[in-house]
């Protein structure tokens, strides 16, 4: 229940902040002078939409010879017990 409530609260906050950014306004005197409004700076923060598509590079890669025998792999002994059995 708390997860669903948190998710709904986040969605409501996103819509509320978006609405505030869309409808906020300043007096005419504030538009003439430079001002530091954090809401006004949001629409000016542009997303980088430059498409980057590099050309494919065809390079010949030498084929290596694989060994026929693989080195032995060290593996720990696994058990299903967390502690030793009780003493008799």
Protein backbone atom coordinates (compact mmCIF):
# COMPACT_ATOMS: atom_id res chain seq x y z
CA UNK A 1 0.00 0.00 0.00
CA UNK A 2 2.82 2.40 0.82
CA UNK A 3 4.51 1.73 -2.52
CA UNK A 4 1.34 2.53 -4.43
CA UNK A 5 0.78 5.69 -2.39
CA UNK A 6 4.35 6.83 -3.03
CA UNK A 7 3.99 6.15 -6.76
CA UNK A 8 0.74 8.14 -6.95
CA UNK A 9 2.33 10.98 -4.97
CA UNK A 10 5.28 11.09 -7.40
CA UNK A 11 2.98 11.22 -10.43
CA UNK A 12 0.90 13.99 -8.84
CA UNK A 13 4.07 15.98 -8.05
CA UNK A 14 5.31 15.64 -11.63
CA UNK A 15 2.01 16.97 -12.98
CA UNK A 16 1.89 19.76 -10.38
CA UNK A 17 5.43 20.97 -11.09
CA UNK A 18 4.78 20.76 -14.84
CA UNK A 19 1.65 22.86 -14.44
CA UNK A 20 3.50 25.44 -12.35
CA UNK A 21 6.25 25.68 -14.97
CA UNK A 22 3.72 26.10 -17.76
CA UNK A 23 1.49 28.75 -16.18
CA UNK A 24 3.84 30.86 -14.07
CA UNK A 25 4.29 34.50 -15.07
CA UNK A 26 6.16 37.65 -14.07
CA UNK A 27 5.19 41.28 -13.95
CA UNK A 28 6.19 43.38 -16.95
CA UNK A 29 8.90 45.12 -14.92
CA UNK A 30 10.55 41.78 -14.09
CA UNK A 31 10.72 40.80 -17.77
CA UNK A 32 12.77 43.87 -18.68
CA UNK A 33 15.49 43.32 -16.11
CA UNK A 34 17.56 40.17 -15.78
CA UNK A 35 16.15 38.06 -12.97
CA UNK A 36 17.01 34.73 -11.45
CA UNK A 37 13.87 32.64 -11.59
CA UNK A 38 14.58 28.92 -11.27
CA UNK A 39 11.32 28.12 -13.03
CA UNK A 40 12.23 30.28 -16.02
CA UNK A 41 15.55 28.49 -16.43
CA UNK A 42 13.90 25.06 -16.83
CA UNK A 43 12.47 25.58 -20.35
CA UNK A 44 15.82 26.99 -21.48
CA UNK A 45 17.72 23.85 -20.45
CA UNK A 46 17.75 22.14 -23.80
CA UNK A 47 18.09 18.43 -24.36
CA UNK A 48 20.96 17.40 -26.61
CA UNK A 49 19.25 15.99 -29.69
CA UNK A 50 22.32 15.61 -31.86
CA UNK A 51 22.24 12.27 -33.63
CA UNK A 52 25.50 10.39 -33.60
CA UNK A 53 25.77 7.49 -35.98
CA UNK A 54 29.39 6.51 -36.59
CA UNK A 55 30.31 4.71 -39.74
CA UNK A 56 30.91 0.99 -39.32
CA UNK A 57 34.57 0.06 -39.44
CA UNK A 58 35.59 -3.18 -41.10
CA UNK A 59 38.87 -4.47 -39.69
CA UNK A 60 40.46 -7.85 -40.29
CA UNK A 61 41.03 -9.65 -36.99
CA UNK A 62 43.52 -12.51 -36.84
CA UNK A 63 42.12 -15.83 -35.68
CA UNK A 64 43.97 -17.32 -32.73
CA UNK A 65 44.61 -20.99 -32.20
CA UNK A 66 42.76 -22.43 -29.22
CA UNK A 67 44.39 -24.91 -26.86
CA UNK A 68 42.99 -28.41 -26.97
CA UNK A 69 43.24 -28.86 -23.21
CA UNK A 70 41.83 -26.38 -20.77
CA UNK A 71 43.60 -25.73 -17.47
CA UNK A 72 42.00 -27.32 -14.42
CA UNK A 73 39.62 -24.97 -12.64
CA UNK A 74 39.82 -24.76 -8.87
CA UNK A 75 36.41 -25.10 -7.26
CA UNK A 76 35.61 -25.02 -3.58
CA UNK A 77 33.77 -27.97 -2.07
CA UNK A 78 30.19 -26.95 -1.46
CA UNK A 79 28.03 -28.31 1.32
CA UNK A 80 24.44 -27.82 2.32
CA UNK A 81 25.29 -27.27 5.97
CA UNK A 82 25.84 -23.97 7.73
CA UNK A 83 27.41 -25.47 10.86
CA UNK A 84 28.89 -28.81 11.84
CA UNK A 85 26.62 -31.48 13.32
CA UNK A 86 26.18 -31.46 17.09
CA UNK A 87 28.64 -33.43 19.17
CA UNK A 88 27.36 -36.83 20.32
